[in-house]
Amino acid sequence: MQVLSRKSLPLGGFAGLTEHRLVTDRRLFGSRKAPNTFDGIGSFVYLADAQFNPHGETHMHPHKEIDVISIMLTGRVTHEGSLKHGQSLTAGEVQVQRAGGEGFSHNEINPDNTKNRLLQLWVLPEVAGEPAGYKHYPLKAKGVSRIYGGKESGGQKNQNKTFTSKTTIDIVRLSSGEGISFSEEVLAYVSKGTADFSDENNNFSAEDGDLIRSYKTDIIATSDVEIIVVGQG
């Protein structure tokens, strides 16, 4: 088991936001990989825990051949750009933007007088040159919400529900005392609450802002908890 705490990392940012970067995979960043950050898993290459300043924005910028996932934790963000222009994202919702070979440009704006908080994840597409696309998900109040990757039973691609990938991303919401287990390697980021993690060799009491890489993992919530779990389906 490996653990990386958000509070151990420097606070960075750009434009109208501040952020802690926890995953900057060397496959994408090369020599620009941030010190002490994790590499990803599967095609997952980037994780940032960000806060927009009041009325802060990223300003319009392009992406190509990357899948950009935004998980809204508190507050709101307004999305402008070539995909679903004007779409708003509120706490408990997720947007997934596939740039593909077509590419897109976007600007994310905090419309409120208070800071918000969101997670941004990047995943490399497994097939180059796909068309740009957009998906939006409201998260379940409890249980597991699949927001990226995976296949339907019988091995058929699940393209209509999530963008197809062998890399999977689930949002897990548990009440205190509930548990969940993963048999393969995962990267799990606690975005709310606390939970006990255990594998074959280690135990760790995690809190908001902890990123855990482990194999054959059991998780028991010690308070109401939200965890982003990245694996390989």
Protein backbone atom coordinates (compact mmCIF):
# COMPACT_ATOMS: atom_id res chain seq x y z
CA MET A 1 0.00 0.00 0.00
CA GLN A 2 1.20 3.49 -0.91
CA VAL A 3 -0.34 6.67 0.53
CA LEU A 4 -0.08 10.27 -0.65
CA SER A 5 -1.70 13.06 1.36
CA ARG A 6 -2.94 16.25 -0.28
CA LYS A 7 -1.67 18.31 2.66
CA SER A 8 1.90 17.10 2.00
CA LEU A 9 1.92 18.72 -1.46
CA PRO A 10 2.44 22.35 -2.47
CA LEU A 11 -0.55 24.43 -3.48
CA GLY A 12 -0.36 25.51 -7.10
CA GLY A 13 -2.83 26.75 -9.64
CA PHE A 14 -3.40 28.98 -12.62
CA ALA A 15 -5.83 31.67 -13.78
CA GLY A 16 -8.72 31.82 -11.29
CA LEU A 17 -8.13 28.60 -9.35
CA THR A 18 -5.79 26.94 -6.87
CA GLU A 19 -5.11 23.21 -6.82
CA HIS A 20 -3.15 20.31 -5.41
CA ARG A 21 -1.93 17.89 -8.10
CA LEU A 22 -1.70 14.34 -6.80
CA VAL A 23 -1.25 12.35 -10.05
CA THR A 24 0.99 13.62 -12.87
CA ASP A 25 1.85 10.50 -14.86
CA ARG A 26 5.28 10.51 -16.49
CA ARG A 27 3.75 9.09 -19.71
CA LEU A 28 2.04 12.45 -20.24
CA PHE A 29 4.20 14.89 -18.30
CA GLY A 30 7.68 13.40 -18.83
CA SER A 31 10.30 15.65 -17.23
CA ARG A 32 7.50 18.02 -16.13
CA LYS A 33 6.13 15.44 -13.71
CA ALA A 34 5.51 17.17 -10.38
CA PRO A 35 7.79 15.94 -7.55
CA ASN A 36 6.28 13.48 -5.05
CA THR A 37 3.14 12.88 -7.12
CA PHE A 38 1.91 9.42 -8.13
CA ASP A 39 1.89 7.92 -11.57
CA GLY A 40 -1.53 6.76 -12.69
CA ILE A 41 -3.04 3.36 -13.36
CA GLY A 42 -4.22 2.00 -16.68
CA SER A 43 -4.88 4.98 -18.94
CA PHE A 44 -5.50 7.35 -16.00
CA VAL A 45 -2.78 10.03 -15.95
CA TYR A 46 -3.83 13.08 -13.89
CA LEU A 47 -5.67 14.06 -10.71
CA ALA A 48 -6.05 17.56 -9.26
CA ASP A 49 -8.10 18.70 -6.26
CA ALA A 50 -9.05 22.27 -7.14
CA GLN A 51 -10.86 25.30 -5.78
CA PHE A 52 -12.04 28.15 -7.95
CA ASN A 53 -11.84 31.63 -6.47
CA PRO A 54 -15.13 33.55 -6.32
CA HIS A 55 -16.02 34.23 -9.98
CA GLY A 56 -12.74 32.61 -10.97
CA GLU A 57 -12.35 30.94 -14.35
CA THR A 58 -9.82 28.90 -16.31
CA HIS A 59 -10.25 30.99 -19.49
CA MET A 60 -10.79 29.28 -22.84
CA HIS A 61 -8.19 26.60 -23.58
CA PRO A 62 -7.99 23.56 -25.89
CA HIS A 63 -7.68 19.80 -25.33
CA LYS A 64 -7.02 17.01 -27.82
CA GLU A 65 -6.79 13.22 -27.45
CA ILE A 66 -7.60 13.32 -23.74
CA ASP A 67 -10.73 12.56 -21.69
CA VAL A 68 -11.36 15.30 -19.11
CA ILE A 69 -13.49 14.36 -16.09
CA SER A 70 -14.79 16.93 -13.60
CA ILE A 71 -16.35 15.81 -10.30
CA MET A 72 -18.15 18.63 -8.50
CA LEU A 73 -17.75 18.42 -4.71
CA THR A 74 -19.06 21.78 -3.48
CA GLY A 75 -20.56 24.80 -5.19
CA ARG A 76 -21.10 25.14 -8.91
CA VAL A 77 -19.22 25.58 -12.15
CA THR A 78 -20.50 26.82 -15.48
CA HIS A 79 -19.11 25.16 -18.59
CA GLU A 80 -18.56 27.14 -21.79
CA GLY A 81 -17.06 25.85 -25.00
CA SER A 82 -17.49 23.71 -28.06
CA LEU A 83 -19.12 20.83 -26.12
CA LYS A 84 -22.48 21.46 -24.37
CA HIS A 85 -21.96 25.20 -24.14
CA GLY A 86 -23.76 26.64 -21.11
CA GLN A 87 -23.98 23.37 -19.18
CA SER A 88 -23.82 23.91 -15.41
CA LEU A 89 -22.37 21.45 -12.93
CA THR A 90 -23.47 21.42 -9.28
CA ALA A 91 -22.27 19.48 -6.24
CA GLY A 92 -22.93 15.76 -6.71
CA GLU A 93 -22.66 15.86 -10.51
CA VAL A 94 -19.95 14.79 -12.97
CA GLN A 95 -19.11 15.78 -16.53
CA VAL A 96 -16.90 13.78 -18.87
CA GLN A 97 -15.55 15.46 -21.98
CA ARG A 98 -13.86 13.36 -24.67
CA ALA A 99 -11.59 15.49 -26.82
CA GLY A 100 -10.70 12.73 -29.29
CA GLY A 101 -8.93 13.62 -32.51
CA GLU A 102 -11.47 16.35 -33.14
CA GLY A 103 -10.55 18.24 -29.97
CA PHE A 104 -12.49 20.88 -28.05
CA SER A 105 -12.01 24.19 -26.28
CA HIS A 106 -13.63 25.12 -22.99
CA ASN A 107 -13.75 27.57 -20.11
CA GLU A 108 -14.91 26.62 -16.61
CA ILE A 109 -16.31 29.46 -14.47
CA ASN A 110 -17.35 29.73 -10.82
CA PRO A 111 -20.53 31.84 -10.99
CA ASP A 112 -20.76 32.36 -7.21
CA ASN A 113 -19.35 34.71 -4.57
CA THR A 114 -17.79 31.83 -2.62
CA LYS A 115 -15.13 29.26 -3.46
CA ASN A 116 -16.15 25.91 -4.91
CA ARG A 117 -14.30 22.57 -5.02
CA LEU A 118 -13.95 20.02 -7.79
CA LEU A 119 -11.72 17.16 -8.84
CA GLN A 120 -10.33 16.95 -12.35
CA LEU A 121 -9.09 13.67 -13.78
CA TRP A 122 -7.55 13.00 -17.18
CA VAL A 123 -7.58 9.65 -18.97
CA LEU A 124 -5.84 8.83 -22.24
CA PRO A 125 -8.25 7.35 -24.81
CA GLU A 126 -7.40 3.83 -25.95
CA VAL A 127 -8.31 4.57 -29.58
CA ALA A 128 -6.96 7.67 -31.33
CA GLY A 129 -9.02 9.87 -33.58
CA GLU A 130 -12.45 9.38 -32.01
CA PRO A 131 -15.03 12.18 -32.25
CA ALA A 132 -15.40 14.64 -29.41
CA GLY A 133 -18.19 13.85 -26.96
CA TYR A 134 -19.82 14.84 -23.68
CA LYS A 135 -21.53 12.93 -20.87
CA HIS A 136 -23.17 14.15 -17.67
CA TYR A 137 -23.94 12.09 -14.56
CA PRO A 138 -25.87 12.77 -11.35
CA LEU A 139 -24.33 10.61 -8.63
CA LYS A 140 -26.25 8.11 -6.52
CA ALA A 141 -26.79 9.22 -2.92
CA LYS A 142 -25.32 5.90 -1.75
CA GLY A 143 -23.52 3.02 -3.41
CA VAL A 144 -21.39 2.95 -6.56
CA SER A 145 -21.77 5.26 -9.59
CA ARG A 146 -19.74 4.21 -12.67
CA ILE A 147 -18.74 7.33 -14.58
CA TYR A 148 -16.05 6.02 -16.92
CA GLY A 149 -15.05 2.83 -18.70
CA GLY A 150 -16.11 -0.75 -18.28
CA LYS A 151 -18.13 -3.15 -20.37
CA GLU A 152 -21.62 -4.60 -20.27
CA SER A 153 -22.16 -8.28 -19.52
CA GLY A 154 -21.26 -10.49 -22.46
CA GLY A 155 -18.26 -8.33 -23.33
CA GLN A 156 -20.21 -5.73 -25.29
CA LYS A 157 -18.97 -2.17 -25.17
CA ASN A 158 -20.96 0.11 -22.88
CA GLN A 159 -20.46 3.20 -25.08
CA ASN A 160 -23.98 4.57 -24.55
CA LYS A 161 -23.57 4.83 -20.76
CA THR A 162 -19.88 5.60 -20.35
CA PHE A 163 -16.97 6.23 -22.67
CA THR A 164 -15.43 2.85 -23.38
CA SER A 165 -12.10 2.08 -21.71
CA LYS A 166 -10.41 -0.76 -19.84
CA THR A 167 -9.71 1.87 -17.20
CA THR A 168 -12.70 2.33 -14.89
CA ILE A 169 -13.67 5.18 -12.58
CA ASP A 170 -16.30 4.71 -9.88
CA ILE A 171 -17.63 7.14 -7.27
CA VAL A 172 -18.24 5.16 -4.08
CA ARG A 173 -20.47 6.63 -1.37
CA LEU A 174 -20.75 4.67 1.87
CA SER A 175 -22.43 5.28 5.21
CA SER A 176 -20.44 4.79 8.39
CA GLY A 177 -19.90 1.07 8.97
CA GLU A 178 -20.47 0.03 5.35
CA GLY A 179 -17.70 -1.60 3.34
CA ILE A 180 -16.56 -2.48 -0.15
CA SER A 181 -13.72 -4.61 -1.54
CA PHE A 182 -11.61 -4.56 -4.71
CA SER A 183 -9.66 -7.61 -5.87
CA GLU A 184 -7.29 -5.86 -8.29
CA GLU A 185 -4.98 -2.86 -8.01
CA VAL A 186 -6.77 0.46 -7.48
CA LEU A 187 -6.00 4.11 -6.91
CA ALA A 188 -8.55 5.46 -4.43
CA TYR A 189 -8.95 9.13 -3.49
CA VAL A 190 -10.98 10.09 -0.43
CA SER A 191 -12.91 13.26 -1.30
CA LYS A 192 -15.15 13.34 1.80
CA GLY A 193 -15.17 11.67 5.22
CA THR A 194 -12.98 8.92 6.63
CA ALA A 195 -12.42 5.20 6.00
CA ASP A 196 -10.12 2.36 7.02
CA PHE A 197 -8.17 0.76 4.16
CA SER A 198 -6.54 -2.66 4.44
CA ASP A 199 -4.73 -4.98 2.06
CA GLU A 200 -2.72 -8.17 2.60
CA ASN A 201 0.08 -6.30 4.41
CA ASN A 202 -1.10 -2.91 5.65
CA ASN A 203 -3.86 -0.94 7.34
CA PHE A 204 -4.41 2.79 7.00
CA SER A 205 -7.00 5.20 8.40
CA ALA A 206 -7.69 7.61 5.53
CA GLU A 207 -9.32 11.02 5.50
CA ASP A 208 -10.37 13.62 2.96
CA GLY A 209 -7.38 14.34 0.72
CA ASP A 210 -5.64 10.94 0.97
CA LEU A 211 -4.75 9.00 -2.18
CA ILE A 212 -4.15 5.26 -1.71
CA ARG A 213 -2.64 2.78 -4.16
CA SER A 214 -3.25 -0.80 -3.10
CA TYR A 215 -4.04 -4.34 -4.23
CA LYS A 216 -6.75 -6.63 -2.87
CA THR A 217 -8.24 -3.80 -0.88
CA ASP A 218 -10.95 -3.78 1.79
CA ILE A 219 -12.50 -0.42 2.69
CA ILE A 220 -14.68 0.20 5.77
CA ALA A 221 -16.27 3.64 6.18
CA THR A 222 -15.69 5.19 9.61
CA SER A 223 -17.97 8.13 8.73
CA ASP A 224 -20.08 8.94 5.70
CA VAL A 225 -17.48 8.82 2.97
CA GLU A 226 -17.02 9.51 -0.75
CA ILE A 227 -14.14 7.83 -2.58
CA ILE A 228 -13.10 8.02 -6.23
CA VAL A 229 -11.79 4.59 -7.23
CA VAL A 230 -9.75 4.12 -10.43
CA GLY A 231 -9.01 0.60 -11.60
CA GLN A 232 -8.70 -1.59 -14.67
CA GLY A 233 -11.82 -3.52 -15.67
